Amino acid sequence: MLVDLHTGSFYRTNIPQLRADLSNQQVADFVVLFGDIPVLHSRGNKRSLRAAAVRAGIPTVTLEAGEPMRMQRDMVDVGVKLINTLLAKSGMYSKLGLWVKPEPAFYDTAWVRTNASGILFSRMALGDEVKEGDVLGAVNNPISNEQVDIISPYKGRILGMALDQFVMPGFAVYHI
């Protein structure tokens, strides 16, 4: 078994989540051992460590959590809990505890992109549930003071998002 630990990419953040190829039964069985964490179905980049390991018959997931280049103790605590749960449920580590019902698996996700240039100001937080039509945030043009709302075209949960920053048209801002 293999767990590849990651954060969000630069200038983005993620809720703690597993990325896993749920079409592979070994991987789907492996995911259950982590307990309470959302799972995003993804085969991943075919040249990634995760994809290569799965092709070699090794159940592998990527654990994504938080922001890059920052020490986020709450994200570290979540990661430690998940790894301890994995170790205990797979019989490698004995620890008493109550197992909770796993979080949902997400089979269909998409990035919402901005159509404007300016400074992103998010109104939603990482992990929030959203409905189609909700205002996720706004992009303010610092020169004209024009504000363009970013409207959710989807119902779902914010799995990842850009940090408030300068953005340009086409920039991925919310992963739902």
Protein backbone atom coordinates (compact mmCIF):
# COMPACT_ATOMS: atom_id res chain seq x y z
CA MET A 1 0.00 0.00 0.00
CA LEU A 2 1.15 3.52 -0.73
CA VAL A 3 -0.04 6.95 0.42
CA ASP A 4 1.38 9.92 -1.49
CA LEU A 5 1.10 13.08 0.67
CA HIS A 6 0.36 16.43 -1.02
CA THR A 7 -0.87 19.96 -0.40
CA GLY A 8 -2.72 22.19 -2.80
CA SER A 9 -0.71 23.68 -5.64
CA PHE A 10 0.77 27.15 -5.31
CA TYR A 11 -1.79 29.81 -4.35
CA ARG A 12 -4.53 27.20 -3.78
CA THR A 13 -5.77 25.11 -0.87
CA ASN A 14 -7.68 21.82 -0.50
CA ILE A 15 -9.94 20.28 2.09
CA PRO A 16 -8.39 17.03 3.33
CA GLN A 17 -9.28 14.49 0.65
CA LEU A 18 -8.10 11.31 -0.96
CA ARG A 19 -7.58 11.15 -4.71
CA ALA A 20 -8.08 7.56 -5.83
CA ASP A 21 -8.92 5.47 -8.88
CA LEU A 22 -12.17 4.01 -7.56
CA SER A 23 -12.61 1.93 -10.72
CA ASN A 24 -9.78 -0.26 -9.38
CA GLN A 25 -11.23 -2.63 -6.75
CA GLN A 26 -7.95 -2.88 -4.77
CA VAL A 27 -7.82 0.91 -4.51
CA ALA A 28 -11.53 1.16 -3.62
CA ASP A 29 -10.99 -1.38 -0.81
CA PHE A 30 -7.90 0.55 0.35
CA VAL A 31 -9.85 3.83 0.58
CA VAL A 32 -12.25 2.32 3.13
CA LEU A 33 -9.37 1.90 5.59
CA PHE A 34 -8.98 5.68 6.00
CA GLY A 35 -12.30 6.33 7.73
CA ASP A 36 -13.86 9.78 7.62
CA ILE A 37 -12.48 11.63 4.57
CA PRO A 38 -13.95 12.72 1.24
CA VAL A 39 -12.70 10.75 -1.75
CA LEU A 40 -12.31 12.23 -5.21
CA HIS A 41 -12.39 9.62 -7.98
CA SER A 42 -9.43 10.33 -10.24
CA ARG A 43 -7.06 8.11 -12.17
CA GLY A 44 -4.47 10.88 -11.95
CA ASN A 45 -1.72 11.75 -14.36
CA LYS A 46 -0.60 8.53 -16.07
CA ARG A 47 3.03 9.48 -15.36
CA SER A 48 2.44 10.07 -11.63
CA LEU A 49 3.72 7.90 -8.79
CA ARG A 50 0.13 6.95 -7.89
CA ALA A 51 -0.78 5.79 -11.39
CA ALA A 52 2.49 3.86 -11.81
CA ALA A 53 2.04 2.11 -8.45
CA VAL A 54 -1.57 1.15 -9.25
CA ARG A 55 -0.44 -0.25 -12.62
CA ALA A 56 2.12 -2.32 -10.68
CA GLY A 57 -0.68 -3.75 -8.49
CA ILE A 58 -0.02 -1.58 -5.43
CA PRO A 59 -3.14 0.08 -3.98
CA THR A 60 -2.25 3.78 -3.89
CA VAL A 61 -3.97 7.04 -3.00
CA THR A 62 -2.94 10.67 -2.85
CA LEU A 63 -3.81 12.50 0.37
CA GLU A 64 -4.34 16.21 -0.42
CA ALA A 65 -4.68 18.70 2.42
CA GLY A 66 -4.25 22.42 2.91
CA GLU A 67 -1.93 24.96 1.37
CA PRO A 68 1.65 24.67 0.13
CA MET A 69 4.59 26.35 1.85
CA ARG A 70 2.74 26.68 5.19
CA MET A 71 2.73 24.66 8.37
CA GLN A 72 -0.98 24.16 9.09
CA ARG A 73 -1.28 22.23 12.34
CA ASP A 74 -4.96 21.45 11.80
CA MET A 75 -4.13 19.83 8.44
CA VAL A 76 -1.22 17.90 9.98
CA ASP A 77 -3.57 16.66 12.74
CA VAL A 78 -6.06 15.44 10.11
CA GLY A 79 -3.27 13.65 8.23
CA VAL A 80 -1.98 11.96 11.38
CA LYS A 81 -5.51 10.83 12.29
CA LEU A 82 -6.04 9.39 8.81
CA ILE A 83 -2.72 7.53 8.74
CA ASN A 84 -3.32 6.17 12.26
CA THR A 85 -6.79 5.03 11.18
CA LEU A 86 -5.28 3.32 8.11
CA LEU A 87 -2.64 1.59 10.23
CA ALA A 88 -5.17 0.43 12.84
CA LYS A 89 -7.80 -0.76 10.35
CA SER A 90 -5.19 -2.67 8.35
CA GLY A 91 -3.86 -4.40 11.48
CA MET A 92 -0.46 -2.68 11.47
CA TYR A 93 -1.08 -0.55 14.55
CA SER A 94 -3.27 -1.34 17.53
CA LYS A 95 -5.25 1.60 18.80
CA LEU A 96 -8.66 1.75 20.41
CA GLY A 97 -11.09 4.13 18.81
CA LEU A 98 -14.49 4.53 17.28
CA TRP A 99 -14.67 4.36 13.51
CA VAL A 100 -16.99 6.81 11.87
CA LYS A 101 -18.95 6.48 8.67
CA PRO A 102 -16.79 7.47 5.67
CA GLU A 103 -17.38 10.74 3.85
CA PRO A 104 -18.87 10.63 0.34
CA ALA A 105 -16.96 9.81 -2.82
CA PHE A 106 -17.02 12.46 -5.56
CA TYR A 107 -17.09 11.04 -9.08
CA ASP A 108 -17.66 14.27 -10.98
CA THR A 109 -15.82 17.49 -10.21
CA ALA A 110 -14.95 20.63 -12.11
CA TRP A 111 -13.04 23.86 -11.68
CA VAL A 112 -14.94 27.12 -11.86
CA ARG A 113 -12.83 29.72 -13.66
CA THR A 114 -12.98 33.49 -13.51
CA ASN A 115 -13.79 35.61 -16.56
CA ALA A 116 -12.30 38.78 -15.08
CA SER A 117 -8.97 40.31 -14.07
CA GLY A 118 -8.39 41.75 -10.65
CA ILE A 119 -8.18 40.75 -7.02
CA LEU A 120 -10.13 37.66 -5.93
CA PHE A 121 -12.17 37.99 -2.74
CA SER A 122 -13.79 34.69 -1.76
CA ARG A 123 -17.15 34.63 -0.04
CA MET A 124 -17.19 30.87 0.43
CA ALA A 125 -14.83 28.78 2.52
CA LEU A 126 -13.06 25.55 1.85
CA GLY A 127 -15.47 22.64 2.42
CA ASP A 128 -18.66 24.73 2.06
CA GLU A 129 -21.70 23.20 0.37
CA VAL A 130 -22.85 25.29 -2.59
CA LYS A 131 -25.87 25.42 -4.86
CA GLU A 132 -26.08 26.38 -8.50
CA GLY A 133 -26.37 30.17 -8.58
CA ASP A 134 -24.53 30.84 -5.29
CA VAL A 135 -22.01 33.68 -5.35
CA LEU A 136 -18.65 32.05 -4.62
CA GLY A 137 -16.62 35.22 -4.58
CA ALA A 138 -15.87 38.32 -6.59
CA VAL A 139 -13.03 39.73 -8.65
CA ASN A 140 -12.44 43.45 -8.10
CA ASN A 141 -10.57 45.50 -10.67
CA PRO A 142 -8.31 47.80 -8.61
CA ILE A 143 -8.19 50.43 -11.38
CA SER A 144 -11.88 50.76 -12.26
CA ASN A 145 -13.26 49.39 -8.98
CA GLU A 146 -15.57 47.19 -11.11
CA GLN A 147 -16.63 43.99 -9.33
CA VAL A 148 -17.49 40.77 -11.15
CA ASP A 149 -19.22 38.06 -9.12
CA ILE A 150 -18.20 34.44 -9.61
CA ILE A 151 -21.40 32.39 -9.72
CA SER A 152 -21.46 28.64 -9.12
CA PRO A 153 -22.74 26.69 -12.12
CA TYR A 154 -22.82 23.56 -9.94
CA LYS A 155 -24.31 22.12 -6.79
CA GLY A 156 -21.66 20.46 -4.62
CA ARG A 157 -18.89 21.04 -2.12
CA ILE A 158 -15.82 23.26 -2.41
CA LEU A 159 -13.00 20.71 -2.46
CA GLY A 160 -10.27 23.17 -3.37
CA MET A 161 -9.97 26.86 -4.07
CA ALA A 162 -7.60 29.63 -4.98
CA LEU A 163 -6.39 31.81 -2.16
CA ASP A 164 -7.38 35.47 -2.43
CA GLN A 165 -4.91 36.91 -4.94
CA PHE A 166 -4.60 38.68 -8.26
CA VAL A 167 -6.27 36.58 -11.01
CA MET A 168 -6.66 36.78 -14.76
CA PRO A 169 -9.43 35.48 -17.05
CA GLY A 170 -9.41 31.68 -17.20
CA PHE A 171 -7.76 31.23 -13.79
CA ALA A 172 -9.18 28.23 -11.87
CA VAL A 173 -10.64 29.55 -8.61
CA TYR A 174 -13.03 26.95 -7.10
CA HIS A 175 -12.88 23.14 -7.38
CA ILE A 176 -16.43 21.84 -6.85
